[in-house]
Amino acid sequence: MNDLKNSPEIPDEDSVNGDSAFDRRRRIIGAIFGPICAILVWITPIAGLSPEAHKLLAIVTLVALWWITEPVPIPVTSLLGPTLAVVFHVVSVKDAFSAFANPLIFLFMGGFIIAKAMMVNGVDKRIAFGIMSMKWVGDSPRRIFLAIGLACALVSGWVSNTATAAMMFPIALGLLEAIREMMAAKGKTINLNTYKYATGLMLMTAYACSIGGVLTPIGTPPNIIMLGFLSEMSNIHVSFFQWMIWGFVAMVAYFIVAYIVLVRMFPADVKHIDGAADFIRSKKHELGGWNRAQKNTMFGFAVAVILWVTPGFLGMIYGPGSDVLKNYNEIFPESIAAMVGGLLLFFLPVNLKKQKMTLEWKDAVKGIEWGTLVLFGGGLAIGGMMYTTGLSAWVGDQIIALLGGNPSEMAFVAVFCVMALLLSELTSHTAAVNMIGPLAIGAALAAGFSPIPVAVGVALSASLGFMLPVSTPPNAIVYASGYVPITKMIKTGVFIDFIGIALVTIPVVLYLVKLVMGLA
């Protein structure tokens, strides 16, 4: 096996977030028309809105357009919203910025810290190579395809989708290089840029990273954002354990859909990939035995997971209204469980003589996605202000009127799922959920529906951005390989997106979510 010098390099951050001519035009248009549209909303009389809600509608218009067009970084726009709300006397400064101290932000922060420790200490690679080196995988192209997908999905349930894709990308490239060398040894030359299996393996790597994010509340930002909106706007708490029940089912179902579509569209033309098993074994061998840092990391991770899922078991044993469960949740709510698991890593020693701990702050601070936390806080702030000023109720009434005044719950959920999906194809799925989330919950409350199913539906649908390289960083990473024609990504993305919503998202949120939450 060579060092892959003939393969595309792993794209850096700039290539993932590329500045194309379309992006430049989009930013210029947003910079000009965002403020113009906000001013037009402000000066246009709108019946049924209080002065505060009217001003907030203008601010939300600017923020939403700038989230989509990104003339300034998305976290900056997220701070701009509550800042303008204070300047124009919509709410007090305390009310505007209190959302940035929401406990869910610290749940996400703890998750980031644990994920960074897994990456720094190589635990994520151990998990990935451990799955791919299982005996059932061997050198079968279909099983390798499946193993790559499983590794991506399981790791990205706990680690950033982008980081998982960046880690798995060179592994997939190595396997494709093994195929090329095997074919060359048999006197057959293949061009990986036009090789169907190469396209399929790249797409599986990207899609599985996004699919795995739905597993846990911390798997991807849309999940935690919608949980925050439910808490802020309707005082509904969804536990980590409850989310994982439907998150696991949705992840498995999405994965099956993606696997079937990709295997049928991009089949391998060989029954065995000579050298593939040796490549994986060599990579696993390079990791050596489990070291102290890796064991400590797994301990911290296990502590957090145990604390997260314990309430679910206590509820089943003692009942959902028991004093035991209530006392536990007061001591170890999800955010504290995450911080306990994350902070432990700064105290578990690797080398006491050198005062080296499992995780150093300089590494942890790089792993915390501060921009995502700011975006999360800004979205919660705007959602909370929309609720307190009555704007969300007014918008909900308008949406219900557009849907005919008395829509079925299935049609209602489907509309918002498709809205979240289409918007996440064109902009950050985090920004998309920040825009759609308050509207979906407000409309659900206005229509007399429980907001939980539509909130979960929006979060799940936003993770199905599979059609374009700009939809998600994993898509952009594999597209940069040169092995994925844009037409193939669009075609497969359309199939998986809408099959996923029709056969997975809507049934899951209308039946499983309602069953778990006692709404059925």
Protein backbone atom coordinates (compact mmCIF):
# COMPACT_ATOMS: atom_id res chain seq x y z
CA MET A 1 0.00 0.00 0.00
CA ASN A 2 1.43 3.41 -0.91
CA ASP A 3 1.00 6.60 1.04
CA LEU A 4 -1.96 7.74 -1.07
CA LYS A 5 0.12 10.39 -2.78
CA ASN A 6 -1.95 9.84 -5.92
CA SER A 7 -5.19 10.42 -4.03
CA PRO A 8 -6.87 13.75 -3.32
CA GLU A 9 -5.74 15.42 -0.14
CA ILE A 10 -8.06 15.91 2.78
CA PRO A 11 -9.69 19.29 2.18
CA ASP A 12 -8.91 22.00 4.66
CA GLU A 13 -11.44 24.31 6.27
CA ASP A 14 -11.19 26.88 3.52
CA SER A 15 -12.05 24.38 0.83
CA VAL A 16 -14.98 23.08 2.84
CA ASN A 17 -16.30 26.58 3.35
CA GLY A 18 -15.32 27.66 -0.12
CA ASP A 19 -15.95 31.20 -1.40
CA SER A 20 -17.53 30.56 -4.80
CA ALA A 21 -18.96 33.22 -7.12
CA PHE A 22 -22.43 32.16 -5.97
CA ASP A 23 -21.44 32.64 -2.32
CA ARG A 24 -20.03 36.11 -3.02
CA ARG A 25 -23.18 37.20 -4.85
CA ARG A 26 -25.34 35.74 -2.09
CA ARG A 27 -23.48 37.74 0.55
CA ILE A 28 -23.66 40.99 -1.39
CA ILE A 29 -27.38 40.57 -2.02
CA GLY A 30 -27.97 39.76 1.65
CA ALA A 31 -25.93 42.73 2.86
CA ILE A 32 -28.01 45.10 0.71
CA PHE A 33 -31.51 43.66 0.83
CA GLY A 34 -31.50 42.38 4.41
CA PRO A 35 -31.67 45.86 5.99
CA ILE A 36 -34.03 47.10 3.23
CA CYS A 37 -36.50 44.27 3.90
CA ALA A 38 -36.27 44.83 7.66
CA ILE A 39 -37.03 48.55 7.26
CA LEU A 40 -39.98 47.79 4.95
CA VAL A 41 -41.41 45.41 7.56
CA TRP A 42 -40.92 48.05 10.25
CA ILE A 43 -42.71 50.87 8.39
CA THR A 44 -45.56 48.69 7.09
CA PRO A 45 -48.65 48.75 9.34
CA ILE A 46 -49.54 45.22 10.48
CA ALA A 47 -52.79 44.61 12.32
CA GLY A 48 -52.75 42.36 15.35
CA LEU A 49 -49.15 43.05 16.40
CA SER A 50 -48.04 44.96 19.46
CA PRO A 51 -45.36 47.64 18.88
CA GLU A 52 -42.74 45.34 20.45
CA ALA A 53 -43.78 42.37 18.31
CA HIS A 54 -43.77 44.56 15.18
CA LYS A 55 -40.24 45.79 15.85
CA LEU A 56 -39.14 42.24 16.65
CA LEU A 57 -40.61 41.03 13.33
CA ALA A 58 -38.39 43.54 11.51
CA ILE A 59 -35.34 42.38 13.49
CA VAL A 60 -36.15 38.71 12.83
CA THR A 61 -36.48 39.50 9.12
CA LEU A 62 -32.97 40.94 9.06
CA VAL A 63 -31.52 38.09 11.13
CA ALA A 64 -33.21 35.38 9.05
CA LEU A 65 -32.03 36.87 5.75
CA TRP A 66 -28.50 37.28 7.06
CA TRP A 67 -28.48 33.73 8.42
CA ILE A 68 -29.31 32.53 4.90
CA THR A 69 -27.02 34.84 2.92
CA GLU A 70 -24.16 35.17 5.47
CA PRO A 71 -22.83 38.68 4.67
CA VAL A 72 -21.31 38.45 8.17
CA PRO A 73 -20.51 35.24 10.09
CA ILE A 74 -23.60 33.46 11.38
CA PRO A 75 -22.59 33.80 15.08
CA VAL A 76 -22.25 37.57 14.59
CA THR A 77 -25.79 37.72 13.21
CA SER A 78 -26.94 35.67 16.20
CA LEU A 79 -25.56 38.31 18.56
CA LEU A 80 -27.02 41.11 16.44
CA GLY A 81 -30.61 39.96 16.99
CA PRO A 82 -30.79 40.34 20.79
CA THR A 83 -28.59 43.45 20.63
CA LEU A 84 -31.04 45.22 18.30
CA ALA A 85 -33.93 44.03 20.44
CA VAL A 86 -32.47 45.93 23.39
CA VAL A 87 -31.60 49.04 21.34
CA PHE A 88 -35.15 49.29 19.98
CA HIS A 89 -36.82 48.61 23.35
CA VAL A 90 -38.31 45.23 22.49
CA VAL A 91 -37.10 43.63 25.74
CA SER A 92 -34.68 44.45 28.55
CA VAL A 93 -31.01 43.56 28.25
CA LYS A 94 -31.42 40.89 30.94
CA ASP A 95 -34.26 39.21 29.06
CA ALA A 96 -32.46 39.52 25.72
CA PHE A 97 -29.27 37.77 26.81
CA SER A 98 -30.48 35.38 29.51
CA ALA A 99 -30.82 32.64 26.86
CA PHE A 100 -27.02 32.57 26.51
CA ALA A 101 -26.91 31.02 30.00
CA ASN A 102 -29.49 28.35 29.15
CA PRO A 103 -28.44 25.02 30.75
CA LEU A 104 -28.66 23.31 27.35
CA ILE A 105 -25.69 25.39 26.21
CA PHE A 106 -23.63 23.73 28.92
CA LEU A 107 -24.95 20.33 27.89
CA PHE A 108 -23.53 21.04 24.45
CA MET A 109 -20.29 22.43 25.90
CA GLY A 110 -19.75 19.31 27.99
CA GLY A 111 -20.39 17.20 24.91
CA PHE A 112 -17.83 19.22 22.93
CA ILE A 113 -15.22 18.69 25.65
CA ILE A 114 -15.75 14.93 25.75
CA ALA A 115 -15.70 14.73 21.95
CA LYS A 116 -12.45 16.69 21.80
CA ALA A 117 -10.84 14.33 24.30
CA MET A 118 -11.91 11.38 22.17
CA MET A 119 -10.31 12.99 19.11
CA VAL A 120 -7.10 14.15 20.84
CA ASN A 121 -6.52 10.77 22.45
CA GLY A 122 -7.50 8.68 19.42
CA VAL A 123 -10.59 7.02 20.90
CA ASP A 124 -12.68 7.91 17.86
CA LYS A 125 -10.23 6.11 15.56
CA ARG A 126 -10.24 3.08 17.84
CA ILE A 127 -14.01 2.87 17.57
CA ALA A 128 -13.93 3.29 13.78
CA PHE A 129 -11.16 0.79 13.13
CA GLY A 130 -12.65 -1.58 15.70
CA ILE A 131 -15.87 -1.74 13.68
CA MET A 132 -14.14 -2.04 10.33
CA SER A 133 -11.73 -4.76 11.47
CA MET A 134 -14.50 -7.12 12.60
CA LYS A 135 -14.35 -10.56 11.00
CA TRP A 136 -17.71 -10.21 9.24
CA VAL A 137 -16.38 -7.26 7.22
CA GLY A 138 -13.42 -8.95 5.54
CA ASP A 139 -12.70 -7.84 1.99
CA SER A 140 -16.28 -7.78 0.67
CA PRO A 141 -17.07 -4.43 -1.03
CA ARG A 142 -20.64 -4.40 0.27
CA ARG A 143 -19.58 -5.21 3.82
CA ILE A 144 -16.83 -2.60 3.70
CA PHE A 145 -19.43 -0.16 2.46
CA LEU A 146 -21.64 -1.09 5.40
CA ALA A 147 -18.79 -0.96 7.93
CA ILE A 148 -17.66 2.51 6.79
CA GLY A 149 -21.21 3.74 7.19
CA LEU A 150 -21.68 2.17 10.62
CA ALA A 151 -18.40 3.60 11.89
CA CYS A 152 -19.32 7.08 10.66
CA ALA A 153 -22.83 6.93 12.10
CA LEU A 154 -21.87 5.63 15.55
CA VAL A 155 -18.97 8.03 16.02
CA SER A 156 -20.92 11.08 14.81
CA GLY A 157 -23.61 10.38 17.38
CA TRP A 158 -21.15 11.75 19.93
CA VAL A 159 -18.49 13.61 17.92
CA SER A 160 -18.93 16.49 15.47
CA ASN A 161 -20.21 15.35 12.06
CA THR A 162 -17.48 17.39 10.38
CA ALA A 163 -14.71 15.93 12.54
CA THR A 164 -16.01 12.41 11.93
CA ALA A 165 -16.09 12.96 8.17
CA ALA A 166 -12.56 14.39 8.22
CA MET A 167 -11.36 11.33 10.17
CA MET A 168 -13.11 8.76 7.96
CA PHE A 169 -12.29 10.47 4.66
CA PRO A 170 -8.65 9.23 4.43
CA ILE A 171 -9.76 5.72 5.46
CA ALA A 172 -12.21 5.62 2.56
CA LEU A 173 -9.51 6.98 0.23
CA GLY A 174 -7.14 4.22 1.35
CA LEU A 175 -9.70 1.53 0.56
CA LEU A 176 -10.29 3.00 -2.89
CA GLU A 177 -6.56 3.06 -3.50
CA ALA A 178 -6.48 -0.64 -2.55
CA ILE A 179 -9.08 -1.29 -5.24
CA ARG A 180 -7.08 0.68 -7.82
CA GLU A 181 -3.89 -1.24 -7.00
CA MET A 182 -5.71 -4.57 -7.10
CA MET A 183 -7.11 -3.76 -10.54
CA ALA A 184 -3.70 -2.58 -11.76
CA ALA A 185 -2.14 -5.88 -10.64
CA LYS A 186 -4.70 -7.67 -12.81
CA GLY A 187 -3.84 -5.48 -15.80
CA LYS A 188 -6.97 -3.34 -15.54
CA THR A 189 -6.72 0.41 -15.17
CA ILE A 190 -9.60 2.26 -13.49
CA ASN A 191 -10.23 5.96 -13.10
CA LEU A 192 -11.50 6.51 -9.56
CA ASN A 193 -13.04 9.84 -10.63
CA THR A 194 -15.55 7.93 -12.75
CA TYR A 195 -15.67 4.69 -10.76
CA LYS A 196 -19.20 4.05 -9.44
CA TYR A 197 -18.13 2.33 -6.24
CA ALA A 198 -15.80 5.23 -5.40
CA THR A 199 -18.71 7.67 -5.68
CA GLY A 200 -20.89 5.46 -3.52
CA LEU A 201 -18.24 5.01 -0.82
CA MET A 202 -17.62 8.75 -0.64
CA LEU A 203 -21.34 9.50 -0.39
CA MET A 204 -21.81 6.84 2.28
CA THR A 205 -19.02 8.45 4.30
CA ALA A 206 -20.71 11.86 4.14
CA TYR A 207 -24.31 10.77 4.57
CA ALA A 208 -23.64 8.40 7.48
CA CYS A 209 -21.92 11.20 9.39
CA SER A 210 -25.06 13.33 9.12
CA ILE A 211 -27.37 10.39 9.84
CA GLY A 212 -25.47 9.47 13.01
CA GLY A 213 -26.01 12.95 14.40
CA VAL A 214 -29.70 12.25 15.07
CA LEU A 215 -28.84 9.56 17.66
CA THR A 216 -28.38 11.85 20.68
CA PRO A 217 -29.35 15.40 21.67
CA ILE A 218 -25.67 16.42 21.38
CA GLY A 219 -25.11 14.61 18.08
CA THR A 220 -25.83 17.67 15.95
CA PRO A 221 -26.87 21.28 16.77
CA PRO A 222 -30.46 21.07 15.40
CA ASN A 223 -31.37 18.50 18.07
CA ILE A 224 -30.34 20.59 21.04
CA ILE A 225 -31.71 23.80 19.49
CA MET A 226 -35.20 22.33 19.15
CA LEU A 227 -35.05 21.01 22.71
CA GLY A 228 -34.15 24.54 23.77
CA PHE A 229 -37.11 26.02 21.89
CA LEU A 230 -39.45 23.49 23.47
CA SER A 231 -38.19 24.51 26.90
CA GLU A 232 -38.25 28.27 26.23
CA MET A 233 -41.56 28.50 24.36
CA SER A 234 -43.70 25.75 25.88
CA ASN A 235 -41.93 24.73 29.11
CA ILE A 236 -41.57 21.13 27.88
CA HIS A 237 -38.54 19.07 28.89
CA VAL A 238 -37.36 16.15 26.76
CA SER A 239 -34.78 13.97 28.48
CA PHE A 240 -31.59 12.61 26.95
CA PHE A 241 -32.96 9.08 27.32
CA GLN A 242 -36.25 9.93 25.62
CA TRP A 243 -34.46 11.50 22.66
CA MET A 244 -32.18 8.48 22.27
CA ILE A 245 -35.18 6.13 21.95
CA TRP A 246 -36.51 7.76 18.80
CA GLY A 247 -33.06 8.99 17.75
CA PHE A 248 -31.81 5.40 17.57
CA VAL A 249 -34.83 4.24 15.56
CA ALA A 250 -34.55 7.22 13.18
CA MET A 251 -30.80 6.71 12.73
CA VAL A 252 -31.20 3.01 11.90
CA ALA A 253 -34.07 3.68 9.51
CA TYR A 254 -32.28 6.56 7.73
CA PHE A 255 -29.15 4.40 7.48
CA ILE A 256 -31.06 1.51 5.90
CA VAL A 257 -32.62 3.87 3.34
CA ALA A 258 -29.24 5.41 2.49
CA TYR A 259 -27.50 2.03 2.27
CA ILE A 260 -30.11 0.54 -0.06
CA VAL A 261 -30.17 3.59 -2.34
CA LEU A 262 -26.37 3.87 -2.54
CA VAL A 263 -25.71 0.15 -3.02
CA ARG A 264 -28.21 -0.01 -5.86
CA MET A 265 -26.98 3.15 -7.55
CA PHE A 266 -23.25 2.54 -7.06
CA PRO A 267 -22.57 -1.22 -7.02
CA ALA A 268 -19.07 -2.68 -6.87
CA ASP A 269 -17.84 -4.58 -9.93
CA VAL A 270 -15.67 -6.95 -7.89
CA LYS A 271 -16.54 -9.53 -5.22
CA HIS A 272 -13.39 -9.02 -3.15
CA ILE A 273 -11.04 -6.10 -2.54
CA ASP A 274 -7.59 -7.66 -2.19
CA GLY A 275 -5.59 -5.84 0.45
CA ALA A 276 -8.53 -4.07 2.07
CA ALA A 277 -8.52 -6.22 5.21
CA ASP A 278 -4.72 -5.87 5.49
CA PHE A 279 -5.05 -2.08 5.14
CA ILE A 280 -7.55 -1.88 7.99
CA ARG A 281 -5.53 -4.24 10.20
CA SER A 282 -2.37 -2.21 9.64
CA LYS A 283 -4.15 0.99 10.58
CA LYS A 284 -5.55 -0.61 13.73
CA HIS A 285 -2.12 -2.05 14.58
CA GLU A 286 -0.58 1.43 14.32
CA LEU A 287 -2.79 2.54 17.22
CA GLY A 288 -1.08 0.05 19.56
CA GLY A 289 -2.66 -0.93 22.87
CA TRP A 290 -5.05 1.15 24.92
CA ASN A 291 -3.08 3.85 26.75
CA ARG A 292 -3.94 5.63 29.96
CA ALA A 293 -5.36 8.72 28.23
CA GLN A 294 -7.72 6.61 26.13
CA LYS A 295 -8.93 4.63 29.15
CA ASN A 296 -9.51 7.83 31.10
CA THR A 297 -11.41 9.32 28.18
CA MET A 298 -13.68 6.31 27.95
CA PHE A 299 -14.26 6.52 31.71
CA GLY A 300 -15.31 10.18 31.49
CA PHE A 301 -17.52 9.40 28.52
CA ALA A 302 -19.09 6.42 30.31
CA VAL A 303 -19.82 8.54 33.39
CA ALA A 304 -21.65 11.11 31.27
CA VAL A 305 -23.65 8.47 29.38
CA ILE A 306 -24.64 6.66 32.59
CA LEU A 307 -25.77 9.93 34.17
CA TRP A 308 -27.72 10.81 31.00
CA VAL A 309 -29.64 7.54 30.72
CA THR A 310 -30.20 6.84 34.44
CA PRO A 311 -33.37 8.99 34.65
CA GLY A 312 -34.99 6.84 31.98
CA PHE A 313 -34.44 3.68 34.00
CA LEU A 314 -35.48 5.38 37.24
CA GLY A 315 -38.69 6.48 35.54
CA MET A 316 -39.42 2.92 34.41
CA ILE A 317 -38.69 1.48 37.88
CA TYR A 318 -40.22 4.09 40.19
CA GLY A 319 -42.61 5.90 37.85
CA PRO A 320 -42.28 9.22 36.01
CA GLY A 321 -43.61 11.25 38.95
CA SER A 322 -41.58 9.59 41.71
CA ASP A 323 -39.58 11.53 44.30
CA VAL A 324 -36.51 9.43 43.44
CA LEU A 325 -36.57 10.63 39.83
CA LYS A 326 -37.32 14.21 40.85
CA ASN A 327 -34.41 14.30 43.31
CA TYR A 328 -32.04 12.76 40.76
CA ASN A 329 -32.98 15.32 38.10
CA GLU A 330 -32.39 18.14 40.55
CA ILE A 331 -28.85 16.87 41.24
CA PHE A 332 -27.88 15.59 37.79
CA PRO A 333 -29.84 17.31 35.02
CA GLU A 334 -28.45 16.60 31.53
CA SER A 335 -26.25 19.71 31.47
CA ILE A 336 -24.60 18.80 34.78
CA ALA A 337 -24.09 15.21 33.63
CA ALA A 338 -22.26 16.50 30.55
CA MET A 339 -20.12 18.88 32.58
CA VAL A 340 -19.26 16.18 35.13
CA GLY A 341 -18.10 13.83 32.38
CA GLY A 342 -16.18 16.60 30.61
CA LEU A 343 -14.59 18.15 33.69
CA LEU A 344 -13.42 14.76 34.95
CA LEU A 345 -11.01 14.67 32.03
CA PHE A 346 -9.10 17.64 33.46
CA PHE A 347 -8.57 15.76 36.75
CA LEU A 348 -7.80 12.21 35.58
CA PRO A 349 -4.00 11.97 35.39
CA VAL A 350 -1.98 10.46 32.57
CA ASN A 351 1.44 11.32 34.03
CA LEU A 352 1.46 12.85 37.52
CA LYS A 353 5.20 13.61 37.46
CA LYS A 354 4.74 15.77 34.38
CA GLN A 355 1.35 17.01 35.66
CA LYS A 356 -0.24 15.79 32.45
CA MET A 357 -3.96 15.17 32.58
CA THR A 358 -6.24 13.38 30.13
CA LEU A 359 -7.23 16.66 28.48
CA GLU A 360 -5.45 20.01 28.50
CA TRP A 361 -7.41 23.25 28.36
CA LYS A 362 -5.52 24.41 25.27
CA ASP A 363 -6.89 21.35 23.47
CA ALA A 364 -10.37 21.60 24.96
CA VAL A 365 -10.78 25.25 24.01
CA LYS A 366 -10.11 24.34 20.38
CA GLY A 367 -12.73 21.60 20.52
CA ILE A 368 -15.52 23.82 21.86
CA GLU A 369 -17.38 25.24 18.87
CA TRP A 370 -17.91 28.70 20.35
CA GLY A 371 -19.63 29.95 17.21
CA THR A 372 -22.21 27.17 17.48
CA LEU A 373 -22.84 28.00 21.14
CA VAL A 374 -23.32 31.69 20.26
CA LEU A 375 -25.65 30.76 17.40
CA PHE A 376 -27.56 28.47 19.74
CA GLY A 377 -27.87 31.22 22.35
CA GLY A 378 -28.94 33.79 19.77
CA GLY A 379 -31.57 31.45 18.36
CA LEU A 380 -32.97 30.72 21.82
CA ALA A 381 -33.02 34.45 22.60
CA ILE A 382 -35.00 35.27 19.46
CA GLY A 383 -37.35 32.31 19.99
CA GLY A 384 -37.99 33.41 23.58
CA MET A 385 -38.65 37.01 22.53
CA MET A 386 -41.03 35.85 19.80
CA TYR A 387 -42.98 33.98 22.45
CA THR A 388 -43.07 36.71 25.10
CA THR A 389 -44.03 39.50 22.66
CA GLY A 390 -46.77 37.39 21.06
CA LEU A 391 -45.03 37.34 17.67
CA SER A 392 -44.85 33.53 17.54
CA ALA A 393 -48.60 33.25 18.22
CA TRP A 394 -49.34 35.77 15.43
CA VAL A 395 -47.05 33.98 12.97
CA GLY A 396 -48.60 30.66 14.00
CA ASP A 397 -52.08 32.00 13.23
CA GLN A 398 -50.93 33.18 9.79
CA ILE A 399 -49.39 29.80 8.98
CA ILE A 400 -52.50 27.92 10.11
CA ALA A 401 -54.62 30.21 7.94
CA LEU A 402 -52.38 29.46 4.94
CA LEU A 403 -52.81 25.73 5.61
CA GLY A 404 -56.58 26.04 5.36
CA GLY A 405 -57.41 26.87 8.95
CA ASN A 406 -57.80 23.28 10.14
CA PRO A 407 -54.96 21.10 8.84
CA SER A 408 -54.44 17.50 9.87
CA GLU A 409 -51.49 16.93 12.18
CA MET A 410 -49.76 14.81 9.53
CA ALA A 411 -50.03 17.58 6.90
CA PHE A 412 -48.93 20.14 9.47
CA VAL A 413 -45.82 18.17 10.46
CA ALA A 414 -45.01 17.35 6.83
CA VAL A 415 -45.05 21.02 5.78
CA PHE A 416 -42.54 22.04 8.44
CA CYS A 417 -40.34 18.99 7.84
CA VAL A 418 -40.08 19.84 4.14
CA MET A 419 -39.45 23.52 4.95
CA ALA A 420 -36.60 22.57 7.30
CA LEU A 421 -35.16 20.14 4.74
CA LEU A 422 -35.19 22.58 1.82
CA LEU A 423 -33.77 25.44 3.86
CA SER A 424 -31.00 23.23 5.28
CA GLU A 425 -29.97 22.35 1.71
CA LEU A 426 -29.24 26.01 1.02
CA THR A 427 -27.83 27.24 4.31
CA SER A 428 -26.43 25.97 7.61
CA HIS A 429 -28.78 23.39 9.14
CA THR A 430 -28.24 25.15 12.46
CA ALA A 431 -29.41 28.48 11.04
CA ALA A 432 -32.30 26.72 9.26
CA VAL A 433 -33.56 25.25 12.54
CA ASN A 434 -33.18 28.60 14.29
CA MET A 435 -35.49 30.11 11.67
CA ILE A 436 -38.04 27.30 11.30
CA GLY A 437 -38.11 26.13 14.93
CA PRO A 438 -39.95 29.04 16.58
CA LEU A 439 -42.42 29.20 13.69
CA ALA A 440 -43.18 25.47 13.91
CA ILE A 441 -43.69 25.52 17.68
CA GLY A 442 -45.75 28.73 17.53
CA ALA A 443 -47.94 27.31 14.79
CA ALA A 444 -48.41 24.03 16.68
CA LEU A 445 -49.56 25.89 19.78
CA ALA A 446 -51.89 28.03 17.67
CA ALA A 447 -53.40 24.93 16.02
CA GLY A 448 -53.86 23.12 19.33
CA PHE A 449 -51.26 20.43 18.54
CA SER A 450 -48.52 19.27 20.87
CA PRO A 451 -45.33 21.07 19.76
CA ILE A 452 -43.12 18.05 20.47
CA PRO A 453 -43.71 16.03 17.25
CA VAL A 454 -43.18 18.98 14.91
CA ALA A 455 -40.14 20.14 16.90
CA VAL A 456 -38.51 16.72 16.61
CA GLY A 457 -39.54 16.51 12.94
CA VAL A 458 -37.83 19.81 12.16
CA ALA A 459 -34.63 18.69 13.92
CA LEU A 460 -34.53 15.33 12.13
CA SER A 461 -35.35 16.81 8.72
CA ALA A 462 -32.62 19.42 9.01
CA SER A 463 -30.09 16.58 9.25
CA LEU A 464 -31.17 15.28 5.83
CA GLY A 465 -29.24 17.82 3.78
CA PHE A 466 -27.81 15.41 1.20
CA MET A 467 -28.32 17.10 -2.17
CA LEU A 468 -25.56 19.71 -2.43
CA PRO A 469 -21.93 20.12 -1.31
CA VAL A 470 -22.92 23.32 0.53
CA SER A 471 -25.62 21.52 2.52
CA THR A 472 -23.27 20.08 5.15
CA PRO A 473 -19.49 20.04 5.76
CA PRO A 474 -19.35 16.22 5.31
CA ASN A 475 -20.85 16.67 1.83
CA ALA A 476 -18.27 19.33 1.01
CA ILE A 477 -15.40 17.16 2.28
CA VAL A 478 -16.20 14.18 0.07
CA TYR A 479 -17.11 16.39 -2.91
CA ALA A 480 -13.60 17.83 -2.74
CA SER A 481 -12.23 14.34 -3.44
CA GLY A 482 -13.25 14.66 -7.09
CA TYR A 483 -14.94 11.26 -6.95
CA VAL A 484 -18.47 12.65 -6.54
CA PRO A 485 -20.07 14.34 -9.59
CA ILE A 486 -22.51 17.04 -8.49
CA THR A 487 -25.31 15.43 -10.53
CA LYS A 488 -24.86 12.14 -8.66
CA MET A 489 -24.98 13.89 -5.28
CA ILE A 490 -28.16 15.74 -6.22
CA LYS A 491 -29.86 12.61 -7.57
CA THR A 492 -29.05 10.40 -4.60
CA GLY A 493 -29.75 13.24 -2.18
CA VAL A 494 -33.24 13.79 -3.57
CA PHE A 495 -34.07 10.09 -3.20
CA ILE A 496 -32.78 9.77 0.35
CA ASP A 497 -34.15 13.13 1.52
CA PHE A 498 -37.74 12.57 0.54
CA ILE A 499 -37.86 8.83 1.17
CA GLY A 500 -36.41 9.62 4.59
CA ILE A 501 -39.06 12.22 5.40
CA ALA A 502 -41.97 10.17 4.06
CA LEU A 503 -41.01 6.75 5.45
CA VAL A 504 -39.00 7.68 8.54
CA THR A 505 -39.38 11.22 9.88
CA ILE A 506 -43.16 11.58 9.78
CA PRO A 507 -43.95 8.09 11.15
CA VAL A 508 -41.32 8.46 13.88
CA VAL A 509 -42.55 11.85 15.10
CA LEU A 510 -46.27 11.08 14.79
CA TYR A 511 -46.14 7.69 16.46
CA LEU A 512 -42.91 6.86 18.30
CA VAL A 513 -42.29 10.35 19.68
CA LYS A 514 -45.90 10.67 20.82
CA LEU A 515 -45.75 7.20 22.36
CA VAL A 516 -42.53 7.94 24.27
CA MET A 517 -43.85 11.30 25.50
CA GLY A 518 -47.26 9.88 26.40
CA LEU A 519 -49.07 11.94 23.77
CA ALA A 520 -50.60 9.07 21.79
